[in-house]
Protein backbone atom coordinates (compact mmCIF):
# COMPACT_ATOMS: atom_id res chain seq x y z
CA UNK A 1 53.66 57.52 135.56
CA UNK A 2 56.67 57.44 138.11
CA UNK A 3 56.57 55.11 141.29
CA UNK A 4 55.79 57.25 144.20
CA UNK A 5 58.31 58.05 146.72
CA UNK A 6 58.28 55.44 150.20
CA UNK A 7 57.09 57.42 152.79
CA UNK A 8 58.15 57.20 156.18
CA UNK A 9 54.98 55.88 157.69
CA UNK A 10 55.16 53.21 155.25
CA UNK A 11 59.19 52.76 156.33
CA UNK A 12 59.41 53.25 159.83
CA UNK A 13 63.49 52.68 159.45
CA UNK A 14 64.27 54.34 156.51
CA UNK A 15 62.35 57.29 153.71
CA UNK A 16 63.90 55.97 150.34
CA UNK A 17 62.89 57.73 147.29
CA UNK A 18 62.27 55.28 144.45
CA UNK A 19 61.36 56.80 141.67
CA UNK A 20 62.70 53.99 139.05
CA UNK A 21 60.58 51.02 140.12
CA UNK A 22 57.15 49.12 139.67
CA UNK A 23 54.76 49.31 142.83
CA UNK A 24 55.39 45.62 143.33
CA UNK A 25 59.59 46.44 143.69
CA UNK A 26 58.42 49.33 145.84
CA UNK A 27 56.45 47.42 148.15
CA UNK A 28 59.24 44.82 148.31
CA UNK A 29 61.63 47.36 149.02
CA UNK A 30 59.78 48.64 151.97
CA UNK A 31 59.23 45.87 153.72
CA UNK A 32 62.95 44.46 153.20
CA UNK A 33 64.41 47.48 154.78
CA UNK A 34 61.92 47.20 157.80
CA UNK A 35 62.87 43.39 158.06
CA UNK A 36 67.09 45.05 158.19
CA UNK A 37 66.30 47.48 160.95
CA UNK A 38 63.62 45.59 162.98
CA UNK A 39 64.71 41.96 162.85
CA UNK A 40 68.29 42.08 161.91
CA UNK A 41 69.25 45.53 164.15
CA UNK A 42 71.16 46.62 161.16
CA UNK A 43 72.60 51.07 161.57
CA UNK A 44 70.27 53.73 159.94
CA UNK A 45 73.77 54.14 158.24
CA UNK A 46 73.66 50.49 156.56
CA UNK A 47 70.37 51.18 155.98
CA UNK A 48 71.02 54.62 153.76
CA UNK A 49 73.77 52.51 151.89
CA UNK A 50 71.52 49.46 151.23
CA UNK A 51 68.64 51.69 150.21
CA UNK A 52 71.03 53.73 147.90
CA UNK A 53 72.21 50.94 146.43
CA UNK A 54 69.19 49.57 145.20
CA UNK A 55 68.17 52.89 143.87
CA UNK A 56 71.13 53.12 141.65
CA UNK A 57 70.33 49.92 140.31
CA UNK A 58 66.87 50.45 139.74
CA UNK A 59 67.75 53.35 137.79
CA UNK A 60 70.53 51.89 135.76
CA UNK A 61 67.67 48.93 134.74
CA UNK A 62 64.98 51.36 133.79
CA UNK A 63 67.44 53.03 131.27
CA UNK A 64 68.91 49.73 130.50
CA UNK A 65 65.54 47.78 130.40
CA UNK A 66 63.64 51.02 128.61
CA UNK A 67 61.05 50.94 131.38
CA UNK A 68 60.45 50.35 135.00
CA UNK A 69 61.12 47.21 136.23
CA UNK A 70 59.01 45.01 138.12
CA UNK A 71 59.30 41.67 139.87
CA UNK A 72 59.37 40.03 136.93
CA UNK A 73 61.76 41.97 135.22
CA UNK A 74 64.49 41.43 137.92
CA UNK A 75 63.81 37.67 137.82
CA UNK A 76 64.40 37.36 134.34
CA UNK A 77 68.24 39.61 134.57
CA UNK A 78 71.14 37.67 132.86
CA UNK A 79 74.22 38.22 134.27
CA UNK A 80 75.32 40.56 131.36
CA UNK A 81 72.87 43.10 132.75
CA UNK A 82 74.53 42.93 136.27
CA UNK A 83 77.42 43.33 134.78
CA UNK A 84 77.17 46.30 132.55
CA UNK A 85 75.49 48.09 135.73
CA UNK A 86 78.31 47.44 137.16
CA UNK A 87 80.71 49.02 134.69
CA UNK A 88 78.08 51.88 134.79
CA UNK A 89 79.03 52.67 138.33
CA UNK A 90 82.96 51.99 137.85
CA UNK A 91 82.88 54.67 134.57
CA UNK A 92 81.29 56.82 137.10
CA UNK A 93 83.90 56.71 139.34
CA UNK A 94 83.26 53.96 141.64
CA UNK A 95 86.15 52.24 142.89
CA UNK A 96 86.73 48.59 143.93
CA UNK A 97 85.02 48.86 147.40
CA UNK A 98 81.95 50.80 146.46
CA UNK A 99 81.33 48.12 144.11
CA UNK A 100 81.76 45.27 146.12
CA UNK A 101 79.11 46.97 148.86
CA UNK A 102 76.69 47.82 146.09
CA UNK A 103 76.51 44.16 145.08
CA UNK A 104 76.60 43.20 148.67
CA UNK A 105 73.01 45.33 149.27
CA UNK A 106 71.80 43.92 145.63
CA UNK A 107 72.34 40.36 147.05
CA UNK A 108 70.83 40.92 150.46
CA UNK A 109 67.71 42.54 148.51
CA UNK A 110 67.60 39.34 145.98
CA UNK A 111 68.05 37.17 148.97
CA UNK A 112 64.79 38.44 151.06
CA UNK A 113 62.73 38.24 147.78
CA UNK A 114 63.98 34.54 146.99
CA UNK A 115 63.08 33.48 150.43
CA UNK A 116 59.73 35.37 150.86
CA UNK A 117 58.36 35.82 147.64
CA UNK A 118 59.74 33.15 145.61
CA UNK A 119 61.79 35.58 143.13
CA UNK A 120 64.97 34.74 142.40
CA UNK A 121 67.54 36.74 140.96
CA UNK A 122 70.11 34.28 139.86
CA UNK A 123 72.32 36.94 137.73
CA UNK A 124 72.99 38.60 141.14
CA UNK A 125 74.59 35.34 142.48
CA UNK A 126 77.06 34.66 139.24
CA UNK A 127 78.14 37.83 139.28
CA UNK A 128 81.86 37.83 141.03
CA UNK A 129 82.36 40.66 143.32
CA UNK A 130 85.45 43.01 141.99
CA UNK A 131 88.52 42.57 144.49
CA UNK A 132 89.87 45.22 146.03
CA UNK A 133 93.42 46.09 147.48
CA UNK A 134 93.37 45.41 150.75
CA UNK A 135 94.66 48.83 152.65
CA UNK A 136 96.28 48.30 156.11
CA UNK A 137 95.18 50.68 159.08
CA UNK A 138 97.72 53.78 159.59
CA UNK A 139 97.91 54.05 163.26
CA UNK A 140 99.58 57.43 165.14
CA UNK A 141 102.79 56.90 166.82
CA UNK A 142 102.65 56.28 170.56
CA UNK A 143 103.74 59.35 171.77
CA UNK A 144 101.38 61.42 168.90
CA UNK A 145 98.69 59.26 170.56
CA UNK A 146 99.24 60.07 173.82
CA UNK A 147 99.11 63.77 173.29
CA UNK A 148 96.13 63.93 171.14
CA UNK A 149 93.86 64.86 174.14
CA UNK A 150 96.38 67.90 175.25
CA UNK A 151 94.11 70.54 175.69
CA UNK A 152 96.84 72.95 175.49
CA UNK A 153 97.32 71.59 171.59
CA UNK A 154 93.93 73.76 171.00
CA UNK A 155 94.93 77.14 173.61
CA UNK A 156 95.09 79.26 170.44
CA UNK A 157 91.13 78.38 169.11
CA UNK A 158 88.41 80.69 170.05
CA UNK A 159 86.68 77.95 171.61
CA UNK A 160 84.91 77.47 175.21
CA UNK A 161 86.97 76.02 177.58
CA UNK A 162 84.19 73.24 178.29
CA UNK A 163 84.15 72.36 174.58
CA UNK A 164 87.82 71.57 174.15
CA UNK A 165 87.73 69.59 177.38
CA UNK A 166 84.67 67.60 175.82
CA UNK A 167 86.66 67.42 172.44
CA UNK A 168 89.51 65.96 174.52
CA UNK A 169 87.71 63.30 176.40
CA UNK A 170 86.12 62.03 173.39
CA UNK A 171 89.57 61.56 171.66
CA UNK A 172 91.06 59.96 174.84
CA UNK A 173 88.25 57.27 174.49
CA UNK A 174 88.80 56.39 171.19
CA UNK A 175 92.33 55.87 171.59
CA UNK A 176 92.19 54.61 175.32
CA UNK A 177 89.57 52.14 174.88
CA UNK A 178 89.42 51.34 171.37
CA UNK A 179 86.06 52.82 170.68
CA UNK A 180 83.93 53.63 167.83
CA UNK A 181 83.78 57.17 167.08
CA UNK A 182 80.11 56.23 167.23
CA UNK A 183 79.96 54.27 170.42
CA UNK A 184 81.45 56.95 172.37
CA UNK A 185 78.53 59.69 171.57
CA UNK A 186 76.40 56.87 172.81
CA UNK A 187 77.67 56.89 176.08
CA UNK A 188 75.14 57.76 178.56
CA UNK A 189 76.10 59.90 181.80
CA UNK A 190 75.43 56.82 183.87
CA UNK A 191 77.65 54.72 181.60
CA UNK A 192 81.23 56.27 182.56
CA UNK A 193 82.32 56.11 186.20
CA UNK A 194 83.83 58.37 188.27
CA UNK A 195 87.44 59.03 188.72
CA UNK A 196 87.67 55.64 191.54
CA UNK A 197 84.58 54.51 191.58
CA UNK A 198 84.90 52.10 188.43
CA UNK A 199 87.57 51.04 185.89
CA UNK A 200 84.93 49.46 183.15
CA UNK A 201 82.19 50.64 180.67
CA UNK A 202 79.59 48.99 179.14
CA UNK A 203 79.20 50.27 174.84
CA UNK A 204 76.60 49.33 172.27
CA UNK A 205 78.44 48.76 169.15
CA UNK A 206 77.38 47.78 165.91
CA UNK A 207 74.13 45.45 165.72
CA UNK A 208 73.37 46.66 168.96
CA UNK A 209 75.76 43.99 170.25
CA UNK A 210 77.48 45.25 173.92
CA UNK A 211 80.57 44.80 175.24
CA UNK A 212 82.60 46.02 178.45
CA UNK A 213 86.14 47.57 177.99
CA UNK A 214 88.32 49.00 180.21
CA UNK A 215 88.69 52.78 180.80
CA UNK A 216 92.12 54.53 182.26
CA UNK A 217 91.87 56.50 184.76
CA UNK A 218 93.59 59.41 183.02
CA UNK A 219 90.63 59.03 180.30
CA UNK A 220 87.80 59.28 182.97
CA UNK A 221 89.77 62.15 184.53
CA UNK A 222 89.22 63.78 181.09
CA UNK A 223 85.97 62.93 181.06
CA UNK A 224 85.23 64.09 184.67
CA UNK A 225 86.95 67.62 183.52
CA UNK A 226 84.45 67.88 180.94
CA UNK A 227 81.57 67.35 183.22
CA UNK A 228 82.58 69.62 185.51
CA UNK A 229 82.59 72.45 182.63
CA UNK A 230 79.65 71.57 180.90
CA UNK A 231 76.92 74.40 181.18
CA UNK A 232 74.75 71.85 180.73
CA UNK A 233 72.33 69.54 182.95
CA UNK A 234 73.84 65.96 182.07
CA UNK A 235 71.10 63.83 183.09
CA UNK A 236 72.13 60.26 184.24
CA UNK A 237 69.80 58.88 181.15
CA UNK A 238 70.83 61.33 178.50
CA UNK A 239 73.50 61.45 176.47
CA UNK A 240 77.39 62.07 178.25
CA UNK A 241 78.62 64.36 175.51
CA UNK A 242 76.59 66.78 173.98
CA UNK A 243 76.70 69.77 171.34
CA UNK A 244 77.07 73.54 171.55
CA UNK A 245 73.54 74.24 171.99
CA UNK A 246 72.88 71.33 174.52
CA UNK A 247 71.64 68.64 172.09
CA UNK A 248 73.47 65.62 170.58
CA UNK A 249 76.84 65.83 170.06
CA UNK A 250 77.46 65.42 165.85
CA UNK A 251 80.88 63.00 165.15
CA UNK A 252 81.83 65.77 162.50
CA UNK A 253 82.53 68.36 165.46
CA UNK A 254 84.91 65.46 166.40
CA UNK A 255 86.32 64.68 163.36
CA UNK A 256 86.87 68.77 162.66
CA UNK A 257 88.60 69.19 166.34
CA UNK A 258 91.38 65.99 164.65
CA UNK A 259 91.80 68.36 161.76
CA UNK A 260 93.09 71.30 163.94
CA UNK A 261 95.15 68.56 166.18
CA UNK A 262 96.75 67.49 162.68
CA UNK A 263 98.30 70.27 162.24
CA UNK A 264 99.16 70.96 165.58
CA UNK A 265 101.23 67.37 165.84
CA UNK A 266 102.15 67.58 162.08
CA UNK A 267 100.50 64.49 161.33
CA UNK A 268 98.93 63.21 158.27
CA UNK A 269 95.31 63.18 156.38
CA UNK A 270 95.17 59.57 157.90
CA UNK A 271 95.23 60.78 161.38
CA UNK A 272 91.32 60.45 161.95
CA UNK A 273 89.43 59.92 164.91
CA UNK A 274 89.04 56.11 163.69
CA UNK A 275 93.12 55.75 163.89
CA UNK A 276 92.98 56.08 167.41
CA UNK A 277 91.21 52.95 167.31
CA UNK A 278 93.56 51.31 164.95
CA UNK A 279 96.66 53.13 166.96
CA UNK A 280 94.97 51.36 170.35
CA UNK A 281 94.77 48.12 168.65
CA UNK A 282 98.14 47.99 166.94
CA UNK A 283 99.74 49.44 170.24
CA UNK A 284 98.64 46.50 172.47
CA UNK A 285 99.80 43.92 169.99
CA UNK A 286 103.34 45.73 169.75
CA UNK A 287 103.19 45.23 173.42
CA UNK A 288 102.38 41.10 173.69
CA UNK A 289 98.34 41.58 173.60
CA UNK A 290 97.13 38.20 171.67
CA UNK A 291 94.59 38.65 169.35
CA UNK A 292 91.43 37.32 170.62
CA UNK A 293 91.69 39.67 173.66
CA UNK A 294 91.79 42.72 171.06
CA UNK A 295 89.15 41.56 168.66
CA UNK A 296 86.78 41.28 172.24
CA UNK A 297 87.89 44.37 173.67
CA UNK A 298 87.17 46.18 169.95
CA UNK A 299 84.03 44.28 169.57
CA UNK A 300 84.87 42.37 166.10
CA UNK A 301 82.64 39.85 165.39
CA UNK A 302 85.42 37.63 163.59
CA UNK A 303 88.72 37.18 164.13
CA UNK A 304 89.83 37.66 160.53
CA UNK A 305 88.55 41.78 160.64
CA UNK A 306 91.44 41.91 163.89
CA UNK A 307 93.98 40.09 162.32
CA UNK A 308 94.79 42.71 159.95
CA UNK A 309 96.66 44.49 162.90
CA UNK A 310 99.32 41.49 162.47
CA UNK A 311 99.97 43.14 159.15
CA UNK A 312 100.40 46.96 160.93
CA UNK A 313 102.51 45.06 162.72
CA UNK A 314 104.89 43.58 160.33
CA UNK A 315 105.29 46.10 158.61
CA UNK A 316 106.71 48.44 160.81
CA UNK A 317 109.33 45.75 162.04
CA UNK A 318 109.90 45.54 158.03
CA UNK A 319 110.35 49.49 158.22
CA UNK A 320 113.01 48.68 161.35
CA UNK A 321 115.19 46.36 159.82
CA UNK A 322 115.59 48.45 156.25
CA UNK A 323 116.27 51.62 158.45
CA UNK A 324 118.82 49.81 161.01
CA UNK A 325 120.17 46.70 159.32
CA UNK A 326 123.71 47.94 157.95
CA UNK A 327 123.49 46.06 154.53
CA UNK A 328 119.85 47.05 154.23
């Protein structure tokens, strides 16, 4: 008999459909995800990814071992079993970054079992994570980034003026303050001051960590234009940015708006909303900003994450050298 799905009532943070494991493993997955959500404050998207990683692993083991794995089966796994799983995922089209994330999710579950149930899955510790090529962020040019909030670029679209103003305000925040799209859409009405009444905002980033970031008056003016045109009541404690029907605004809407702007500005497919955050950091660095300050502005937990932008700037310098030097 297949293991029953984990219900929402059992796991307040996640609904996980696990049909490839014994009940003892299913119960531990419920406890693990609850721990990650309640105590570690992982985002719903991260919990979704971790749950999916474990489900794929258990599904593979069910076929690999000839039956639904229990906790004792997990403890008896060998390195070759984990390598076989990674090989199967790669054969299915998974790339190095996806495999690395899958292994991270599985190791998180293994650590939880080892700590709370004294079930050690040594094989997951002995497998080396796949190497991935480190790709540099692809920022927009300064000129393109400045024009990204120009509503005239979308004048031909059959969209209400307030929606065009809303999208412009969100994109202006991404580039002007270096926000993640989730951080911008997570702002409440009271979080953003009117022009002339403040020059900072407090945003909630990954892990529910808050940080204060500066906001340009031009950005505040874009927000004020949107608020003035918005046909819905924007309560102080409610979301600042709303959808066409007044509900929460989906990130997908902003991504689609960026697709239209790419065509208007002749930008490549790499020009996404998140590329505006990359552009914010790269342009600050190019103008003399120091890494520590940029780290704080971006909300990076580690300086090594921010250091990737030094590679972007170096790449630009090499391109200038190759194009301009007479002997290049």
